[in-house]
Amino acid sequence: MKKSKIIIDILVISLGFILFIIWDQNFIRYTVSTSSLSLLKYYDIYLITTNEKDQFWQYMNLGAADMAASTGVNYYWRFPEERNPNKQIEIINEAVNDGAVALLIAADDPKRISGAIEDAKARGVKVIYVDAPANEEAITTLATDNYNAGFVAGQKMISNLANRGMRSGSIGIISLKDKSTSMQREEGFRDALAVEPGYIILQTVYTNGEPNNSQLAAEQLINQNNDLVGLFGTNEGTSEGVGYANKANENRFVGIGFDKSDTTKKLLDDGSLNVIIEQNPYTMGYLGMAEALASLLGKDTGPSYINTGYTVLEE
């Protein structure tokens, strides 16, 4: 496996928070008043994601927990058992009612949960978006440039097919419906392939993001399209499904996926996936917690959007 490309653009936040992020006690004593520090143990800050199963969210939780542990704030991770925007709304409301002073939110359906976020803000709660923003304005969003990452995924599809001597055929996409991040990746992917008229991009197949369902969807595309040459999964679960389907078909197709997990790494190593776009969920959680604390302590929170970057992993 090789890492062929690293893209990260957090210069502004680095300039403003390099010492804040380190957050050792000696630094705190000279930069934050004792009275402000004494409040940290009373701060309840929540990370609210779309589920717990994906390793992506586990990495994000680890980043947020590490920053929280070094500052003494009370940190909680909450999530629906399965992807469910209505349940995520309930969790947001419960966190606010339980005394949350700040929320790190990975929005499931950006439109549907915006009302709950607006209500939380009206009650004085600080809101930071991690990975996926809602439509309601927040202090900042820490996320991948998903269009650009999807575009690079498309370029990698072209180059991997070219390496196999292929310049035509159909390509399938397995994605999540109503998920803004996946939609942006799909858009970038399609735009990258638009320069290659020999390829036909099939209609996107949407799943709930579970690997088993995504594998079934990928296998259906394989069975229905004799000229299929490639498959693209837009997140962790769909990428696992793409990899499993390709493996079951002797890795006949180019498989491009998103998000590094133990499973996608194994699929990359055995050639069932050819490329993984690895995001930085730990950074999202770690910096997201730093941004929440900065806003609560009246510090500068920097830009409204922070690009946390990605790495291209290849077999």
C-alpha atoms as a PDB file:
ATOM      1  CA  MET A   1       0.000   0.000   0.000  1.00  0.00           C
ATOM      2  CA  LYS A   2       1.218   3.494  -0.755  1.00  0.00           C
ATOM      3  CA  LYS A   3       0.082   6.960   0.195  1.00  0.00           C
ATOM      4  CA  SER A   4       0.151   8.933  -3.027  1.00  0.00           C
ATOM      5  CA  LYS A   5      -1.327  12.266  -2.065  1.00  0.00           C
ATOM      6  CA  ILE A   6      -1.977  14.292   1.049  1.00  0.00           C
ATOM      7  CA  ILE A   7      -4.181  17.383   0.943  1.00  0.00           C
ATOM      8  CA  ILE A   8      -4.770  19.504   4.017  1.00  0.00           C
ATOM      9  CA  ASP A   9      -5.534  23.181   4.421  1.00  0.00           C
ATOM     10  CA  ILE A  10      -5.733  24.194   8.077  1.00  0.00           C
ATOM     11  CA  LEU A  11      -3.152  26.970   8.017  1.00  0.00           C
ATOM     12  CA  VAL A  12      -5.490  29.576   9.413  1.00  0.00           C
ATOM     13  CA  ILE A  13      -6.584  27.436  12.323  1.00  0.00           C
ATOM     14  CA  SER A  14      -3.011  26.331  12.913  1.00  0.00           C
ATOM     15  CA  LEU A  15      -1.886  29.932  13.239  1.00  0.00           C
ATOM     16  CA  GLY A  16      -4.664  30.755  15.645  1.00  0.00           C
ATOM     17  CA  PHE A  17      -4.720  27.549  17.667  1.00  0.00           C
ATOM     18  CA  ILE A  18      -1.353  25.850  17.497  1.00  0.00           C
ATOM     19  CA  LEU A  19      -0.672  26.436  21.154  1.00  0.00           C
ATOM     20  CA  PHE A  20      -4.306  26.159  22.120  1.00  0.00           C
ATOM     21  CA  ILE A  21      -4.523  22.711  20.541  1.00  0.00           C
ATOM     22  CA  ILE A  22      -1.474  21.497  22.445  1.00  0.00           C
ATOM     23  CA  TRP A  23      -3.240  22.664  25.596  1.00  0.00           C
ATOM     24  CA  ASP A  24      -0.737  21.803  28.282  1.00  0.00           C
ATOM     25  CA  GLN A  25      -1.397  23.190  31.694  1.00  0.00           C
ATOM     26  CA  ASN A  26       1.584  25.513  31.697  1.00  0.00           C
ATOM     27  CA  PHE A  27       0.302  27.224  28.553  1.00  0.00           C
ATOM     28  CA  ILE A  28      -3.189  27.552  29.971  1.00  0.00           C
ATOM     29  CA  ARG A  29      -1.962  29.339  33.078  1.00  0.00           C
ATOM     30  CA  TYR A  30      -0.497  32.118  30.968  1.00  0.00           C
ATOM     31  CA  THR A  31      -3.259  32.499  28.387  1.00  0.00           C
ATOM     32  CA  VAL A  32      -6.598  31.890  30.093  1.00  0.00           C
ATOM     33  CA  SER A  33      -7.730  33.456  33.314  1.00  0.00           C
ATOM     34  CA  THR A  34      -8.037  31.291  36.405  1.00  0.00           C
ATOM     35  CA  SER A  35     -11.709  32.157  36.625  1.00  0.00           C
ATOM     36  CA  SER A  36     -12.273  30.886  33.084  1.00  0.00           C
ATOM     37  CA  LEU A  37     -10.351  27.710  33.794  1.00  0.00           C
ATOM     38  CA  SER A  38     -12.428  27.018  36.863  1.00  0.00           C
ATOM     39  CA  LEU A  39     -15.512  26.878  34.632  1.00  0.00           C
ATOM     40  CA  LEU A  40     -14.205  24.066  32.431  1.00  0.00           C
ATOM     41  CA  LYS A  41     -15.271  21.303  34.802  1.00  0.00           C
ATOM     42  CA  TYR A  42     -18.857  22.562  34.522  1.00  0.00           C
ATOM     43  CA  TYR A  43     -18.949  22.489  30.725  1.00  0.00           C
ATOM     44  CA  ASP A  44     -20.929  19.630  29.156  1.00  0.00           C
ATOM     45  CA  ILE A  45     -19.998  19.174  25.502  1.00  0.00           C
ATOM     46  CA  TYR A  46     -21.584  16.570  23.228  1.00  0.00           C
ATOM     47  CA  LEU A  47     -20.505  14.960  19.977  1.00  0.00           C
ATOM     48  CA  ILE A  48     -23.553  13.793  18.011  1.00  0.00           C
ATOM     49  CA  THR A  49     -22.912  11.532  15.009  1.00  0.00           C
ATOM     50  CA  THR A  50     -25.101   9.487  12.682  1.00  0.00           C
ATOM     51  CA  ASN A  51     -24.179   6.131  14.248  1.00  0.00           C
ATOM     52  CA  GLU A  52     -21.532   4.359  16.302  1.00  0.00           C
ATOM     53  CA  LYS A  53     -20.672   1.442  14.014  1.00  0.00           C
ATOM     54  CA  ASP A  54     -18.467   3.134  11.436  1.00  0.00           C
ATOM     55  CA  GLN A  55     -14.840   3.430  12.480  1.00  0.00           C
ATOM     56  CA  PHE A  56     -14.926   6.918  11.010  1.00  0.00           C
ATOM     57  CA  TRP A  57     -17.079   8.047  13.928  1.00  0.00           C
ATOM     58  CA  GLN A  58     -14.998   6.095  16.418  1.00  0.00           C
ATOM     59  CA  TYR A  59     -11.883   7.959  15.283  1.00  0.00           C
ATOM     60  CA  MET A  60     -13.741  11.247  15.549  1.00  0.00           C
ATOM     61  CA  ASN A  61     -14.866  10.377  19.078  1.00  0.00           C
ATOM     62  CA  LEU A  62     -11.274   9.580  20.016  1.00  0.00           C
ATOM     63  CA  GLY A  63     -10.097  12.989  18.835  1.00  0.00           C
ATOM     64  CA  ALA A  64     -12.816  14.844  20.720  1.00  0.00           C
ATOM     65  CA  ALA A  65     -12.269  12.719  23.838  1.00  0.00           C
ATOM     66  CA  ASP A  66      -8.508  13.355  23.812  1.00  0.00           C
ATOM     67  CA  MET A  67      -8.962  17.119  23.691  1.00  0.00           C
ATOM     68  CA  ALA A  68     -11.700  16.993  26.330  1.00  0.00           C
ATOM     69  CA  ALA A  69      -9.586  14.868  28.682  1.00  0.00           C
ATOM     70  CA  SER A  70      -6.714  17.336  28.518  1.00  0.00           C
ATOM     71  CA  THR A  71      -8.957  20.258  29.471  1.00  0.00           C
ATOM     72  CA  GLY A  72     -11.245  18.788  32.126  1.00  0.00           C
ATOM     73  CA  VAL A  73     -14.556  19.391  30.388  1.00  0.00           C
ATOM     74  CA  ASN A  74     -17.361  16.839  30.557  1.00  0.00           C
ATOM     75  CA  TYR A  75     -17.611  15.057  27.231  1.00  0.00           C
ATOM     76  CA  TYR A  76     -20.383  12.810  25.876  1.00  0.00           C
ATOM     77  CA  TRP A  77     -20.786  10.949  22.590  1.00  0.00           C
ATOM     78  CA  ARG A  78     -24.355  10.326  21.437  1.00  0.00           C
ATOM     79  CA  PHE A  79     -25.739   8.678  18.295  1.00  0.00           C
ATOM     80  CA  PRO A  80     -28.730   6.781  16.883  1.00  0.00           C
ATOM     81  CA  GLU A  81     -28.356   3.009  16.772  1.00  0.00           C
ATOM     82  CA  GLU A  82     -29.007   3.202  13.032  1.00  0.00           C
ATOM     83  CA  ARG A  83     -28.926   6.159  10.668  1.00  0.00           C
ATOM     84  CA  ASN A  84     -32.122   8.046  11.452  1.00  0.00           C
ATOM     85  CA  PRO A  85     -32.467  11.848  11.126  1.00  0.00           C
ATOM     86  CA  ASN A  86     -35.504  11.942  13.411  1.00  0.00           C
ATOM     87  CA  LYS A  87     -33.605  10.106  16.122  1.00  0.00           C
ATOM     88  CA  GLN A  88     -30.674  12.462  15.691  1.00  0.00           C
ATOM     89  CA  ILE A  89     -33.057  15.378  16.254  1.00  0.00           C
ATOM     90  CA  GLU A  90     -34.261  13.732  19.472  1.00  0.00           C
ATOM     91  CA  ILE A  91     -30.668  13.316  20.641  1.00  0.00           C
ATOM     92  CA  ILE A  92     -29.883  16.976  19.931  1.00  0.00           C
ATOM     93  CA  ASN A  93     -32.933  18.069  21.926  1.00  0.00           C
ATOM     94  CA  GLU A  94     -32.080  15.717  24.784  1.00  0.00           C
ATOM     95  CA  ALA A  95     -28.512  17.023  24.960  1.00  0.00           C
ATOM     96  CA  VAL A  96     -29.728  20.606  25.148  1.00  0.00           C
ATOM     97  CA  ASN A  97     -32.281  19.744  27.834  1.00  0.00           C
ATOM     98  CA  ASP A  98     -29.563  17.930  29.799  1.00  0.00           C
ATOM     99  CA  GLY A  99     -27.442  21.075  29.945  1.00  0.00           C
ATOM    100  CA  ALA A 100     -25.122  20.938  26.941  1.00  0.00           C
ATOM    101  CA  VAL A 101     -23.215  24.183  26.456  1.00  0.00           C
ATOM    102  CA  ALA A 102     -21.764  23.124  23.098  1.00  0.00           C
ATOM    103  CA  LEU A 103     -22.560  20.539  20.456  1.00  0.00           C
ATOM    104  CA  LEU A 104     -20.299  18.984  17.844  1.00  0.00           C
ATOM    105  CA  ILE A 105     -22.738  17.737  15.218  1.00  0.00           C
ATOM    106  CA  ALA A 106     -22.272  15.577  12.137  1.00  0.00           C
ATOM    107  CA  ALA A 107     -25.542  16.367  10.396  1.00  0.00           C
ATOM    108  CA  ASP A 108     -27.402  13.435   8.889  1.00  0.00           C
ATOM    109  CA  ASP A 109     -30.104  15.204   6.899  1.00  0.00           C
ATOM    110  CA  PRO A 110     -28.978  18.878   6.763  1.00  0.00           C
ATOM    111  CA  LYS A 111     -32.458  20.236   6.118  1.00  0.00           C
ATOM    112  CA  ARG A 112     -34.433  18.169   8.603  1.00  0.00           C
ATOM    113  CA  ILE A 113     -32.204  18.716  11.626  1.00  0.00           C
ATOM    114  CA  SER A 114     -31.705  22.455  11.109  1.00  0.00           C
ATOM    115  CA  GLY A 115     -34.755  23.340  13.198  1.00  0.00           C
ATOM    116  CA  ALA A 116     -33.377  21.522  16.237  1.00  0.00           C
ATOM    117  CA  ILE A 117     -30.029  23.259  15.798  1.00  0.00           C
ATOM    118  CA  GLU A 118     -31.719  26.643  15.506  1.00  0.00           C
ATOM    119  CA  ASP A 119     -33.572  25.939  18.750  1.00  0.00           C
ATOM    120  CA  ALA A 120     -30.327  24.916  20.477  1.00  0.00           C
ATOM    121  CA  LYS A 121     -28.624  28.123  19.392  1.00  0.00           C
ATOM    122  CA  ALA A 122     -31.584  30.143  20.665  1.00  0.00           C
ATOM    123  CA  ARG A 123     -30.888  28.638  24.098  1.00  0.00           C
ATOM    124  CA  GLY A 124     -27.273  29.774  23.973  1.00  0.00           C
ATOM    125  CA  VAL A 125     -25.677  26.475  22.917  1.00  0.00           C
ATOM    126  CA  LYS A 126     -22.528  26.746  20.794  1.00  0.00           C
ATOM    127  CA  VAL A 127     -22.691  24.619  17.636  1.00  0.00           C
ATOM    128  CA  ILE A 128     -19.757  23.237  15.675  1.00  0.00           C
ATOM    129  CA  TYR A 129     -20.192  21.048  12.600  1.00  0.00           C
ATOM    130  CA  VAL A 130     -17.868  18.100  12.084  1.00  0.00           C
ATOM    131  CA  ASP A 131     -17.791  16.238   8.756  1.00  0.00           C
ATOM    132  CA  ALA A 132     -21.262  17.337   7.608  1.00  0.00           C
ATOM    133  CA  PRO A 133     -22.988  20.689   8.229  1.00  0.00           C
ATOM    134  CA  ALA A 134     -26.695  21.353   8.425  1.00  0.00           C
ATOM    135  CA  ASN A 135     -28.347  24.328   6.737  1.00  0.00           C
ATOM    136  CA  GLU A 136     -28.429  26.356   9.955  1.00  0.00           C
ATOM    137  CA  GLU A 137     -25.358  28.553  10.488  1.00  0.00           C
ATOM    138  CA  ALA A 138     -22.801  27.384  13.058  1.00  0.00           C
ATOM    139  CA  ILE A 139     -19.572  28.766  14.514  1.00  0.00           C
ATOM    140  CA  THR A 140     -17.466  26.726  12.096  1.00  0.00           C
ATOM    141  CA  THR A 141     -17.437  23.534  10.052  1.00  0.00           C
ATOM    142  CA  LEU A 142     -14.516  21.110  10.103  1.00  0.00           C
ATOM    143  CA  ALA A 143     -14.740  18.850   7.078  1.00  0.00           C
ATOM    144  CA  THR A 144     -13.185  17.388   3.978  1.00  0.00           C
ATOM    145  CA  ASP A 145     -13.455  19.250   0.685  1.00  0.00           C
ATOM    146  CA  ASN A 146     -15.791  16.531  -0.507  1.00  0.00           C
ATOM    147  CA  TYR A 147     -16.220  17.714  -4.088  1.00  0.00           C
ATOM    148  CA  ASN A 148     -12.458  17.849  -4.579  1.00  0.00           C
ATOM    149  CA  ALA A 149     -11.965  14.474  -2.902  1.00  0.00           C
ATOM    150  CA  GLY A 150     -14.640  12.963  -5.149  1.00  0.00           C
ATOM    151  CA  PHE A 151     -12.994  14.512  -8.187  1.00  0.00           C
ATOM    152  CA  VAL A 152      -9.680  12.909  -7.220  1.00  0.00           C
ATOM    153  CA  ALA A 153     -11.499   9.585  -6.748  1.00  0.00           C
ATOM    154  CA  GLY A 154     -12.776   9.936 -10.314  1.00  0.00           C
ATOM    155  CA  GLN A 155      -9.285  10.651 -11.600  1.00  0.00           C
ATOM    156  CA  LYS A 156      -8.034   7.554  -9.804  1.00  0.00           C
ATOM    157  CA  MET A 157     -10.782   5.503 -11.431  1.00  0.00           C
ATOM    158  CA  ILE A 158      -9.628   6.710 -14.853  1.00  0.00           C
ATOM    159  CA  SER A 159      -5.951   6.022 -14.194  1.00  0.00           C
ATOM    160  CA  ASN A 160      -6.570   2.570 -12.715  1.00  0.00           C
ATOM    161  CA  LEU A 161      -8.766   1.578 -15.646  1.00  0.00           C
ATOM    162  CA  ALA A 162      -6.134   2.899 -18.066  1.00  0.00           C
ATOM    163  CA  ASN A 163      -3.541   0.744 -16.329  1.00  0.00           C
ATOM    164  CA  ARG A 164      -5.738  -2.232 -17.225  1.00  0.00           C
ATOM    165  CA  GLY A 165      -5.986  -1.090 -20.831  1.00  0.00           C
ATOM    166  CA  MET A 166      -9.596   0.062 -20.488  1.00  0.00           C
ATOM    167  CA  ARG A 167     -10.989   3.259 -22.011  1.00  0.00           C
ATOM    168  CA  SER A 168     -14.694   2.455 -22.069  1.00  0.00           C
ATOM    169  CA  GLY A 169     -17.426   0.713 -20.116  1.00  0.00           C
ATOM    170  CA  SER A 170     -19.967   1.482 -17.417  1.00  0.00           C
ATOM    171  CA  ILE A 171     -19.178   2.590 -13.875  1.00  0.00           C
ATOM    172  CA  GLY A 172     -21.460   2.200 -10.860  1.00  0.00           C
ATOM    173  CA  ILE A 173     -21.830   4.378  -7.770  1.00  0.00           C
ATOM    174  CA  ILE A 174     -23.161   3.151  -4.424  1.00  0.00           C
ATOM    175  CA  SER A 175     -24.066   6.054  -2.160  1.00  0.00           C
ATOM    176  CA  LEU A 176     -26.242   7.446   0.634  1.00  0.00           C
ATOM    177  CA  LYS A 177     -29.370   9.395  -0.242  1.00  0.00           C
ATOM    178  CA  ASP A 178     -29.883  12.854   1.287  1.00  0.00           C
ATOM    179  CA  LYS A 179     -26.339  12.854   2.693  1.00  0.00           C
ATOM    180  CA  SER A 180     -24.659  16.088   1.604  1.00  0.00           C
ATOM    181  CA  THR A 181     -21.105  14.786   1.901  1.00  0.00           C
ATOM    182  CA  SER A 182     -21.813  11.763  -0.289  1.00  0.00           C
ATOM    183  CA  MET A 183     -23.671  13.885  -2.823  1.00  0.00           C
ATOM    184  CA  GLN A 184     -20.688  16.241  -3.117  1.00  0.00           C
ATOM    185  CA  ARG A 185     -18.301  13.312  -3.603  1.00  0.00           C
ATOM    186  CA  GLU A 186     -20.552  11.870  -6.258  1.00  0.00           C
ATOM    187  CA  GLU A 187     -20.698  15.214  -8.061  1.00  0.00           C
ATOM    188  CA  GLY A 188     -16.909  15.534  -8.071  1.00  0.00           C
ATOM    189  CA  PHE A 189     -16.520  11.929  -9.217  1.00  0.00           C
ATOM    190  CA  ARG A 190     -18.924  12.408 -12.127  1.00  0.00           C
ATOM    191  CA  ASP A 191     -17.267  15.664 -13.178  1.00  0.00           C
ATOM    192  CA  ALA A 192     -13.837  13.995 -13.249  1.00  0.00           C
ATOM    193  CA  LEU A 193     -15.129  11.232 -15.524  1.00  0.00           C
ATOM    194  CA  ALA A 194     -16.961  13.645 -17.807  1.00  0.00           C
ATOM    195  CA  VAL A 195     -13.731  14.205 -19.761  1.00  0.00           C
ATOM    196  CA  GLU A 196     -13.701  10.522 -20.759  1.00  0.00           C
ATOM    197  CA  PRO A 197     -16.587   9.982 -23.224  1.00  0.00           C
ATOM    198  CA  GLY A 198     -15.949   6.256 -23.386  1.00  0.00           C
ATOM    199  CA  TYR A 199     -17.320   5.716 -19.896  1.00  0.00           C
ATOM    200  CA  ILE A 200     -21.000   5.608 -18.967  1.00  0.00           C
ATOM    201  CA  ILE A 201     -21.764   6.546 -15.360  1.00  0.00           C
ATOM    202  CA  LEU A 202     -24.794   4.558 -14.318  1.00  0.00           C
ATOM    203  CA  GLN A 203     -27.609   5.948 -12.206  1.00  0.00           C
ATOM    204  CA  THR A 204     -26.509   6.048  -8.585  1.00  0.00           C
ATOM    205  CA  VAL A 205     -27.801   3.271  -6.348  1.00  0.00           C
ATOM    206  CA  TYR A 206     -28.654   4.533  -2.879  1.00  0.00           C
ATOM    207  CA  THR A 207     -28.495   2.353   0.225  1.00  0.00           C
ATOM    208  CA  ASN A 208     -28.644   2.892   3.970  1.00  0.00           C
ATOM    209  CA  GLY A 209     -24.857   2.672   4.064  1.00  0.00           C
ATOM    210  CA  GLU A 210     -24.711  -0.790   5.633  1.00  0.00           C
ATOM    211  CA  PRO A 211     -22.016  -3.017   4.056  1.00  0.00           C
ATOM    212  CA  ASN A 212     -24.363  -5.959   3.401  1.00  0.00           C
ATOM    213  CA  ASN A 213     -26.975  -3.844   1.638  1.00  0.00           C
ATOM    214  CA  SER A 214     -24.269  -2.036  -0.289  1.00  0.00           C
ATOM    215  CA  GLN A 215     -22.743  -5.328  -1.403  1.00  0.00           C
ATOM    216  CA  LEU A 216     -26.121  -6.514  -2.669  1.00  0.00           C
ATOM    217  CA  ALA A 217     -26.550  -3.244  -4.549  1.00  0.00           C
ATOM    218  CA  ALA A 218     -23.087  -3.553  -6.109  1.00  0.00           C
ATOM    219  CA  GLU A 219     -23.702  -7.174  -7.101  1.00  0.00           C
ATOM    220  CA  GLN A 220     -26.971  -6.160  -8.719  1.00  0.00           C
ATOM    221  CA  LEU A 221     -25.090  -3.615 -10.830  1.00  0.00           C
ATOM    222  CA  ILE A 222     -22.575  -6.296 -11.777  1.00  0.00           C
ATOM    223  CA  ASN A 223     -25.319  -8.721 -12.829  1.00  0.00           C
ATOM    224  CA  GLN A 224     -27.269  -6.108 -14.794  1.00  0.00           C
ATOM    225  CA  ASN A 225     -24.369  -4.501 -16.684  1.00  0.00           C
ATOM    226  CA  ASN A 226     -22.127  -6.768 -18.719  1.00  0.00           C
ATOM    227  CA  ASP A 227     -19.845  -3.861 -19.599  1.00  0.00           C
ATOM    228  CA  LEU A 228     -19.270  -2.801 -15.967  1.00  0.00           C
ATOM    229  CA  VAL A 229     -15.629  -1.908 -15.319  1.00  0.00           C
ATOM    230  CA  GLY A 230     -15.623   0.035 -12.053  1.00  0.00           C
ATOM    231  CA  LEU A 231     -17.443   0.694  -8.782  1.00  0.00           C
ATOM    232  CA  PHE A 232     -17.294   3.676  -6.433  1.00  0.00           C
ATOM    233  CA  GLY A 233     -18.469   3.734  -2.801  1.00  0.00           C
ATOM    234  CA  THR A 234     -18.945   7.166  -1.276  1.00  0.00           C
ATOM    235  CA  ASN A 235     -18.475   6.322   2.426  1.00  0.00           C
ATOM    236  CA  GLU A 236     -17.182   3.591   4.735  1.00  0.00           C
ATOM    237  CA  GLY A 237     -20.118   1.194   4.567  1.00  0.00           C
ATOM    238  CA  THR A 238     -20.738   1.524   0.831  1.00  0.00           C
ATOM    239  CA  SER A 239     -17.008   1.119   0.176  1.00  0.00           C
ATOM    240  CA  GLU A 240     -16.948  -2.091   2.178  1.00  0.00           C
ATOM    241  CA  GLY A 241     -19.912  -3.322   0.136  1.00  0.00           C
ATOM    242  CA  VAL A 242     -18.148  -2.426  -3.114  1.00  0.00           C
ATOM    243  CA  GLY A 243     -15.005  -4.238  -1.970  1.00  0.00           C
ATOM    244  CA  TYR A 244     -16.887  -7.358  -0.914  1.00  0.00           C
ATOM    245  CA  ALA A 245     -18.776  -7.474  -4.223  1.00  0.00           C
ATOM    246  CA  ASN A 246     -15.566  -7.072  -6.187  1.00  0.00           C
ATOM    247  CA  LYS A 247     -13.852  -9.769  -4.122  1.00  0.00           C
ATOM    248  CA  ALA A 248     -16.728 -12.158  -4.804  1.00  0.00           C
ATOM    249  CA  ASN A 249     -16.124 -11.540  -8.511  1.00  0.00           C
ATOM    250  CA  GLU A 250     -12.371 -12.192  -8.399  1.00  0.00           C
ATOM    251  CA  ASN A 251     -11.539  -8.472  -8.321  1.00  0.00           C
ATOM    252  CA  ARG A 252     -12.533  -8.031 -11.953  1.00  0.00           C
ATOM    253  CA  PHE A 253     -13.434  -4.377 -11.420  1.00  0.00           C
ATOM    254  CA  VAL A 254     -11.666  -1.236 -10.295  1.00  0.00           C
ATOM    255  CA  GLY A 255     -12.955  -0.415  -6.815  1.00  0.00           C
ATOM    256  CA  ILE A 256     -12.654   3.096  -5.390  1.00  0.00           C
ATOM    257  CA  GLY A 257     -13.810   3.847  -1.850  1.00  0.00           C
ATOM    258  CA  PHE A 258     -13.943   6.385   0.949  1.00  0.00           C
ATOM    259  CA  ASP A 259     -12.779   6.121   4.549  1.00  0.00           C
ATOM    260  CA  LYS A 260     -10.096   3.914   6.002  1.00  0.00           C
ATOM    261  CA  SER A 261     -11.267   1.225   8.418  1.00  0.00           C
ATOM    262  CA  ASP A 262      -9.868  -2.156   9.373  1.00  0.00           C
ATOM    263  CA  THR A 263     -12.137  -3.681   6.733  1.00  0.00           C
ATOM    264  CA  THR A 264     -11.433  -1.259   3.882  1.00  0.00           C
ATOM    265  CA  LYS A 265      -7.713  -1.550   4.634  1.00  0.00           C
ATOM    266  CA  LYS A 266      -7.894  -5.350   4.220  1.00  0.00           C
ATOM    267  CA  LEU A 267      -9.891  -4.936   1.015  1.00  0.00           C
ATOM    268  CA  LEU A 268      -7.233  -2.541  -0.258  1.00  0.00           C
ATOM    269  CA  ASP A 269      -4.440  -4.934   0.645  1.00  0.00           C
ATOM    270  CA  ASP A 270      -6.033  -7.853  -1.222  1.00  0.00           C
ATOM    271  CA  GLY A 271      -6.879  -5.786  -4.307  1.00  0.00           C
ATOM    272  CA  SER A 272     -10.653  -5.744  -3.823  1.00  0.00           C
ATOM    273  CA  LEU A 273     -10.364  -1.967  -3.492  1.00  0.00           C
ATOM    274  CA  ASN A 274      -7.726  -0.164  -5.531  1.00  0.00           C
ATOM    275  CA  VAL A 275      -7.950   3.241  -3.881  1.00  0.00           C
ATOM    276  CA  ILE A 276      -9.287   4.625  -0.599  1.00  0.00           C
ATOM    277  CA  ILE A 277      -9.793   8.309   0.057  1.00  0.00           C
ATOM    278  CA  GLU A 278      -8.878   8.556   3.734  1.00  0.00           C
ATOM    279  CA  GLN A 279     -10.348  11.487   5.633  1.00  0.00           C
ATOM    280  CA  ASN A 280      -9.170  12.848   8.986  1.00  0.00           C
ATOM    281  CA  PRO A 281     -11.993  12.217  11.480  1.00  0.00           C
ATOM    282  CA  TYR A 282      -9.625  12.364  14.476  1.00  0.00           C
ATOM    283  CA  THR A 283      -8.641  15.887  13.435  1.00  0.00           C
ATOM    284  CA  MET A 284     -12.291  16.841  13.035  1.00  0.00           C
ATOM    285  CA  GLY A 285     -13.061  15.703  16.576  1.00  0.00           C
ATOM    286  CA  TYR A 286      -9.906  17.122  18.148  1.00  0.00           C
ATOM    287  CA  LEU A 287     -10.084  20.529  16.482  1.00  0.00           C
ATOM    288  CA  GLY A 288     -13.870  20.576  16.819  1.00  0.00           C
ATOM    289  CA  MET A 289     -13.544  20.287  20.584  1.00  0.00           C
ATOM    290  CA  ALA A 290     -10.858  22.988  20.547  1.00  0.00           C
ATOM    291  CA  GLU A 291     -13.186  25.273  18.600  1.00  0.00           C
ATOM    292  CA  ALA A 292     -16.023  24.629  21.029  1.00  0.00           C
ATOM    293  CA  LEU A 293     -13.809  25.513  23.990  1.00  0.00           C
ATOM    294  CA  ALA A 294     -12.480  28.593  22.253  1.00  0.00           C
ATOM    295  CA  SER A 295     -16.007  29.857  21.635  1.00  0.00           C
ATOM    296  CA  LEU A 296     -17.021  29.195  25.245  1.00  0.00           C
ATOM    297  CA  LEU A 297     -13.929  31.034  26.542  1.00  0.00           C
ATOM    298  CA  GLY A 298     -14.479  33.986  24.229  1.00  0.00           C
ATOM    299  CA  LYS A 299     -11.469  33.224  22.037  1.00  0.00           C
ATOM    300  CA  ASP A 300     -11.158  33.718  18.292  1.00  0.00           C
ATOM    301  CA  THR A 301     -12.538  30.679  16.475  1.00  0.00           C
ATOM    302  CA  GLY A 302     -10.992  31.482  13.104  1.00  0.00           C
ATOM    303  CA  PRO A 303     -12.679  30.813   9.746  1.00  0.00           C
ATOM    304  CA  SER A 304     -16.203  29.524   9.220  1.00  0.00           C
ATOM    305  CA  TYR A 305     -14.876  26.499   7.325  1.00  0.00           C
ATOM    306  CA  ILE A 306     -11.761  24.444   8.062  1.00  0.00           C
ATOM    307  CA  ASN A 307     -10.578  21.949   5.474  1.00  0.00           C
ATOM    308  CA  THR A 308      -9.289  18.963   7.448  1.00  0.00           C
ATOM    309  CA  GLY A 309      -7.801  17.307   4.362  1.00  0.00           C
ATOM    310  CA  TYR A 310      -7.535  13.777   3.038  1.00  0.00           C
ATOM    311  CA  THR A 311      -4.999  11.190   1.945  1.00  0.00           C
ATOM    312  CA  VAL A 312      -5.169   8.952  -1.118  1.00  0.00           C
ATOM    313  CA  LEU A 313      -4.237   5.355  -0.257  1.00  0.00           C
ATOM    314  CA  GLU A 314      -3.416   2.970  -3.095  1.00  0.00           C
ATOM    315  CA  GLU A 315      -2.678  -0.752  -3.189  1.00  0.00           C
END
